[in-house]
Each structure stands twice: as C-alpha cells, then as structure tokens.
Amino acid sequence: MSSEDRGNENKTEDSSCSRLISNLVRFGIGYRMEDSRRQYFAWHGCPSRNDDFITYAEITQEEYDRINAEYPDRIDATRETAEAFRLKYVEGHRVLLQGWNVTLK
C-alpha cells in the first residue's frame, strides 16, 4: 500500500482493512466494523515451519495511526523488530483472537 493509499484509507468508510507490515516475520494491523464502530487491531504471528500461531489484539486509533507512521512501507523485519512490535502493540492488549493460522474477520 502506498503512502497515498494509507492516507486515503482513513477517509473511506470501508468495513475492514488489513495491512501486512512484514512477511518475513509476520505482523500487521487492521480494522473492522464491530458493534457499529471501527475496531482497530494489531496482529503478530509466531512461525513454526509452514504454520503461524497468530494473536490479534485490540489497539486504539492513536496506536493504529502511530504504527502507520512508524512502519510506512512493507518491510522484511528481523525477529527482534517483530518482538518489539509484539511487546508494544499486542502484549498487554485485549486479545480478540488467537490460534494456529486464524484470520480475524
């Protein structure tokens, strides 16, 4: 997603959006409509060969905007970068969904 697209995503009324920040060590952000409000989330996957144990956690709109600014493009993250993301945006937040190869809808 280009910087211009990310800027425009907040102007639309899409019911959901998901953004992969890193595929090498998987994590990302997104939002969905839940109970007539936009619910923002961050997710992190712990890879095990071809599978991922994924945790989706609810974040605030401010955190969502901060992540978009901090990670402006798709990156090839290291395990350390992914762990820092997990600790900051997933750990300690309310878990929305967790499991092997799950997708939040």
N, C-alpha and C. Protein backbone atom coordinates (compact mmCIF):
# COMPACT_ATOMS: atom_id res chain seq x y z
N MET A 1 0.85 -1.16 0.00
CA MET A 1 0.00 0.00 0.00
C MET A 1 0.90 1.23 0.00
N SER A 2 0.66 2.14 -0.90
CA SER A 2 1.48 3.34 -0.98
C SER A 2 1.12 4.31 0.15
N SER A 3 1.99 5.28 0.36
CA SER A 3 1.72 6.29 1.39
C SER A 3 0.43 7.03 1.08
N GLU A 4 0.19 7.28 -0.20
CA GLU A 4 -1.03 7.98 -0.58
C GLU A 4 -2.27 7.13 -0.25
N ASP A 5 -2.21 5.83 -0.54
CA ASP A 5 -3.33 4.94 -0.23
C ASP A 5 -3.59 4.90 1.27
N ARG A 6 -2.52 4.84 2.08
CA ARG A 6 -2.70 4.80 3.53
C ARG A 6 -3.36 6.08 4.01
N GLY A 7 -3.01 7.20 3.42
CA GLY A 7 -3.64 8.45 3.81
C GLY A 7 -5.11 8.48 3.46
N ASN A 8 -5.47 7.86 2.35
CA ASN A 8 -6.85 7.86 1.90
C ASN A 8 -7.70 6.82 2.61
N GLU A 9 -7.08 5.78 3.21
CA GLU A 9 -7.87 4.73 3.83
C GLU A 9 -8.69 5.26 5.00
N ASN A 10 -8.22 6.28 5.68
CA ASN A 10 -8.97 6.83 6.80
C ASN A 10 -10.14 7.69 6.33
N LYS A 11 -10.16 8.06 5.04
CA LYS A 11 -11.22 8.90 4.51
C LYS A 11 -12.39 8.08 3.99
N THR A 12 -12.18 6.78 3.80
CA THR A 12 -13.26 5.94 3.30
C THR A 12 -13.99 5.29 4.45
N GLU A 13 -15.13 4.73 4.16
CA GLU A 13 -15.93 4.06 5.18
C GLU A 13 -15.90 2.55 4.96
N ASP A 14 -14.74 2.03 4.57
CA ASP A 14 -14.61 0.59 4.39
C ASP A 14 -14.93 -0.11 5.69
N SER A 15 -15.53 -1.29 5.58
CA SER A 15 -15.90 -2.03 6.80
C SER A 15 -14.72 -2.78 7.38
N SER A 16 -13.68 -3.01 6.58
CA SER A 16 -12.49 -3.67 7.13
C SER A 16 -11.28 -3.36 6.27
N CYS A 17 -10.12 -3.50 6.88
CA CYS A 17 -8.85 -3.27 6.20
C CYS A 17 -7.80 -4.04 6.98
N SER A 18 -6.89 -4.69 6.28
CA SER A 18 -5.79 -5.37 6.94
C SER A 18 -4.51 -5.06 6.19
N ARG A 19 -3.45 -4.77 6.92
CA ARG A 19 -2.18 -4.41 6.31
C ARG A 19 -1.07 -5.29 6.87
N LEU A 20 -0.40 -6.01 5.98
CA LEU A 20 0.76 -6.81 6.35
C LEU A 20 1.96 -5.88 6.38
N ILE A 21 2.61 -5.79 7.52
CA ILE A 21 3.79 -4.93 7.62
C ILE A 21 5.03 -5.73 7.24
N SER A 22 5.14 -6.95 7.74
CA SER A 22 6.29 -7.80 7.42
C SER A 22 5.82 -9.21 7.14
N ASN A 23 6.33 -9.79 6.08
CA ASN A 23 6.00 -11.17 5.76
C ASN A 23 7.10 -12.12 6.24
N LEU A 24 8.33 -11.64 6.32
CA LEU A 24 9.44 -12.48 6.75
C LEU A 24 9.19 -12.99 8.18
N VAL A 25 8.95 -12.08 9.08
CA VAL A 25 8.46 -12.38 10.43
C VAL A 25 7.13 -11.65 10.47
N ARG A 26 6.03 -12.38 10.51
CA ARG A 26 4.72 -11.83 10.18
C ARG A 26 4.08 -11.01 11.30
N PHE A 27 3.71 -9.78 10.94
CA PHE A 27 2.90 -8.94 11.81
C PHE A 27 2.25 -7.85 10.98
N GLY A 28 1.19 -7.26 11.53
CA GLY A 28 0.48 -6.23 10.79
C GLY A 28 -0.60 -5.58 11.63
N ILE A 29 -1.42 -4.79 10.96
CA ILE A 29 -2.50 -4.06 11.61
C ILE A 29 -3.74 -4.09 10.74
N GLY A 30 -4.83 -3.63 11.30
CA GLY A 30 -6.05 -3.53 10.52
C GLY A 30 -7.18 -2.96 11.36
N TYR A 31 -8.36 -2.94 10.74
CA TYR A 31 -9.57 -2.56 11.46
C TYR A 31 -10.74 -3.28 10.85
N ARG A 32 -11.82 -3.33 11.59
CA ARG A 32 -13.07 -3.93 11.13
C ARG A 32 -14.21 -3.21 11.85
N MET A 33 -15.40 -3.35 11.31
CA MET A 33 -16.58 -2.80 11.98
C MET A 33 -17.09 -3.83 12.97
N GLU A 34 -17.26 -3.41 14.20
CA GLU A 34 -17.73 -4.28 15.27
C GLU A 34 -18.69 -3.47 16.13
N ASP A 35 -19.93 -3.91 16.23
CA ASP A 35 -20.96 -3.19 17.00
C ASP A 35 -21.06 -1.73 16.57
N SER A 36 -21.10 -1.51 15.26
CA SER A 36 -21.27 -0.17 14.65
C SER A 36 -20.13 0.79 14.96
N ARG A 37 -18.96 0.28 15.28
CA ARG A 37 -17.80 1.15 15.48
C ARG A 37 -16.59 0.49 14.83
N ARG A 38 -15.62 1.29 14.48
CA ARG A 38 -14.39 0.77 13.89
C ARG A 38 -13.50 0.25 15.01
N GLN A 39 -13.18 -1.03 14.95
CA GLN A 39 -12.31 -1.67 15.95
C GLN A 39 -10.94 -1.88 15.30
N TYR A 40 -9.90 -1.31 15.90
CA TYR A 40 -8.55 -1.40 15.38
C TYR A 40 -7.83 -2.56 16.06
N PHE A 41 -6.94 -3.22 15.30
CA PHE A 41 -6.20 -4.34 15.87
C PHE A 41 -4.79 -4.40 15.31
N ALA A 42 -3.93 -5.00 16.09
CA ALA A 42 -2.58 -5.35 15.67
C ALA A 42 -2.48 -6.86 15.77
N TRP A 43 -1.68 -7.47 14.91
CA TRP A 43 -1.52 -8.91 14.99
C TRP A 43 -0.05 -9.29 14.82
N HIS A 44 0.27 -10.44 15.38
CA HIS A 44 1.63 -10.95 15.35
C HIS A 44 1.57 -12.45 15.20
N GLY A 45 2.37 -13.00 14.31
CA GLY A 45 2.42 -14.45 14.12
C GLY A 45 3.76 -15.01 14.49
N CYS A 46 3.75 -16.10 15.24
CA CYS A 46 4.98 -16.81 15.59
C CYS A 46 5.10 -18.00 14.64
N PRO A 47 6.02 -17.94 13.69
CA PRO A 47 6.11 -19.01 12.69
C PRO A 47 6.68 -20.31 13.24
N SER A 48 6.12 -21.40 12.75
CA SER A 48 6.60 -22.74 13.05
C SER A 48 6.53 -23.52 11.74
N ARG A 49 7.61 -23.51 11.00
CA ARG A 49 7.66 -24.09 9.65
C ARG A 49 6.63 -23.42 8.75
N ASN A 50 5.56 -24.10 8.37
CA ASN A 50 4.58 -23.53 7.45
C ASN A 50 3.35 -22.97 8.14
N ASP A 51 3.32 -22.98 9.45
CA ASP A 51 2.16 -22.51 10.21
C ASP A 51 2.54 -21.31 11.06
N ASP A 52 1.51 -20.57 11.47
CA ASP A 52 1.72 -19.42 12.35
C ASP A 52 0.74 -19.49 13.50
N PHE A 53 1.24 -19.24 14.71
CA PHE A 53 0.37 -19.04 15.86
C PHE A 53 0.15 -17.54 15.94
N ILE A 54 -1.05 -17.10 15.62
CA ILE A 54 -1.34 -15.68 15.45
C ILE A 54 -2.16 -15.16 16.63
N THR A 55 -1.79 -13.98 17.07
CA THR A 55 -2.54 -13.28 18.10
C THR A 55 -3.00 -11.94 17.54
N TYR A 56 -4.31 -11.70 17.61
CA TYR A 56 -4.90 -10.41 17.24
C TYR A 56 -5.27 -9.70 18.54
N ALA A 57 -4.84 -8.44 18.67
CA ALA A 57 -5.12 -7.67 19.87
C ALA A 57 -5.74 -6.32 19.50
N GLU A 58 -6.69 -5.88 20.30
CA GLU A 58 -7.33 -4.60 20.04
C GLU A 58 -6.38 -3.47 20.42
N ILE A 59 -6.29 -2.47 19.54
CA ILE A 59 -5.48 -1.28 19.80
C ILE A 59 -6.36 -0.06 19.58
N THR A 60 -5.87 1.09 20.00
CA THR A 60 -6.62 2.33 19.81
C THR A 60 -6.35 2.90 18.41
N GLN A 61 -7.18 3.84 18.00
CA GLN A 61 -6.95 4.51 16.73
C GLN A 61 -5.62 5.26 16.76
N GLU A 62 -5.27 5.82 17.89
CA GLU A 62 -3.99 6.53 18.02
C GLU A 62 -2.82 5.57 17.80
N GLU A 63 -2.91 4.36 18.37
CA GLU A 63 -1.85 3.37 18.17
C GLU A 63 -1.80 2.95 16.70
N TYR A 64 -2.96 2.76 16.09
CA TYR A 64 -3.04 2.40 14.67
C TYR A 64 -2.35 3.47 13.82
N ASP A 65 -2.65 4.73 14.08
CA ASP A 65 -2.04 5.82 13.33
C ASP A 65 -0.53 5.89 13.58
N ARG A 66 -0.11 5.64 14.81
CA ARG A 66 1.31 5.65 15.17
C ARG A 66 2.05 4.53 14.42
N ILE A 67 1.44 3.35 14.33
CA ILE A 67 2.05 2.23 13.62
C ILE A 67 2.19 2.57 12.14
N ASN A 68 1.15 3.16 11.53
CA ASN A 68 1.24 3.56 10.12
C ASN A 68 2.36 4.55 9.89
N ALA A 69 2.61 5.44 10.84
CA ALA A 69 3.69 6.40 10.71
C ALA A 69 5.06 5.74 10.95
N GLU A 70 5.11 4.81 11.90
CA GLU A 70 6.37 4.16 12.26
C GLU A 70 6.81 3.14 11.21
N TYR A 71 5.86 2.48 10.58
CA TYR A 71 6.14 1.46 9.57
C TYR A 71 5.46 1.88 8.27
N PRO A 72 6.04 2.86 7.54
CA PRO A 72 5.36 3.43 6.38
C PRO A 72 5.24 2.49 5.18
N ASP A 73 6.12 1.50 5.06
CA ASP A 73 6.07 0.58 3.94
C ASP A 73 6.23 -0.85 4.45
N ARG A 74 5.99 -1.78 3.55
CA ARG A 74 6.20 -3.18 3.91
C ARG A 74 7.70 -3.41 4.10
N ILE A 75 8.06 -4.14 5.14
CA ILE A 75 9.46 -4.35 5.47
C ILE A 75 9.75 -5.84 5.61
N ASP A 76 11.03 -6.20 5.56
CA ASP A 76 11.47 -7.55 5.89
C ASP A 76 12.06 -7.46 7.30
N ALA A 77 11.21 -7.66 8.28
CA ALA A 77 11.60 -7.45 9.67
C ALA A 77 12.46 -8.59 10.20
N THR A 78 13.28 -8.27 11.17
CA THR A 78 14.04 -9.29 11.90
C THR A 78 13.17 -9.79 13.05
N ARG A 79 13.57 -10.87 13.67
CA ARG A 79 12.84 -11.37 14.84
C ARG A 79 12.81 -10.31 15.95
N GLU A 80 13.89 -9.55 16.09
CA GLU A 80 13.95 -8.51 17.11
C GLU A 80 12.94 -7.40 16.84
N THR A 81 12.81 -6.99 15.58
CA THR A 81 11.85 -5.97 15.21
C THR A 81 10.42 -6.46 15.47
N ALA A 82 10.15 -7.71 15.09
CA ALA A 82 8.82 -8.29 15.30
C ALA A 82 8.51 -8.42 16.79
N GLU A 83 9.50 -8.81 17.58
CA GLU A 83 9.28 -8.95 19.02
C GLU A 83 9.02 -7.59 19.66
N ALA A 84 9.72 -6.55 19.21
CA ALA A 84 9.47 -5.20 19.73
C ALA A 84 8.05 -4.76 19.39
N PHE A 85 7.58 -5.07 18.18
CA PHE A 85 6.21 -4.76 17.78
C PHE A 85 5.22 -5.50 18.68
N ARG A 86 5.46 -6.81 18.87
CA ARG A 86 4.57 -7.62 19.72
C ARG A 86 4.49 -7.07 21.13
N LEU A 87 5.62 -6.75 21.72
CA LEU A 87 5.63 -6.24 23.09
C LEU A 87 4.91 -4.91 23.21
N LYS A 88 5.03 -4.07 22.19
CA LYS A 88 4.45 -2.72 22.24
C LYS A 88 2.96 -2.70 21.87
N TYR A 89 2.56 -3.50 20.88
CA TYR A 89 1.20 -3.37 20.35
C TYR A 89 0.30 -4.59 20.52
N VAL A 90 0.82 -5.71 20.98
CA VAL A 90 0.00 -6.91 21.17
C VAL A 90 -0.03 -7.31 22.64
N GLU A 91 1.13 -7.46 23.24
CA GLU A 91 1.24 -7.86 24.65
C GLU A 91 0.57 -6.81 25.53
N GLY A 92 -0.26 -7.25 26.45
CA GLY A 92 -0.92 -6.35 27.37
C GLY A 92 -2.20 -5.72 26.84
N HIS A 93 -2.53 -6.00 25.58
CA HIS A 93 -3.77 -5.51 24.99
C HIS A 93 -4.81 -6.63 25.04
N ARG A 94 -6.07 -6.26 24.90
CA ARG A 94 -7.16 -7.24 24.90
C ARG A 94 -7.06 -8.13 23.66
N VAL A 95 -6.98 -9.44 23.88
CA VAL A 95 -6.88 -10.40 22.78
C VAL A 95 -8.26 -10.57 22.13
N LEU A 96 -8.30 -10.42 20.82
CA LEU A 96 -9.54 -10.60 20.06
C LEU A 96 -9.65 -12.02 19.51
N LEU A 97 -8.51 -12.58 19.09
CA LEU A 97 -8.48 -13.92 18.52
C LEU A 97 -7.05 -14.43 18.60
N GLN A 98 -6.92 -15.72 18.87
CA GLN A 98 -5.60 -16.31 18.98
C GLN A 98 -5.70 -17.78 18.55
N GLY A 99 -4.74 -18.23 17.77
CA GLY A 99 -4.72 -19.63 17.36
C GLY A 99 -3.82 -19.87 16.17
N TRP A 100 -3.75 -21.13 15.75
CA TRP A 100 -2.93 -21.51 14.60
C TRP A 100 -3.66 -21.12 13.31
N ASN A 101 -2.98 -20.34 12.48
CA ASN A 101 -3.45 -19.99 11.14
C ASN A 101 -4.87 -19.39 11.14
N VAL A 102 -5.18 -18.58 12.14
CA VAL A 102 -6.51 -17.96 12.21
C VAL A 102 -6.49 -16.60 11.53
N THR A 103 -7.67 -16.17 11.09
CA THR A 103 -7.83 -14.86 10.47
C THR A 103 -9.00 -14.15 11.11
N LEU A 104 -8.76 -12.94 11.55
CA LEU A 104 -9.83 -12.12 12.14
C LEU A 104 -10.68 -11.55 11.02
N LYS A 105 -11.97 -11.70 11.11
CA LYS A 105 -12.88 -11.19 10.08
C LYS A 105 -13.75 -10.11 10.63
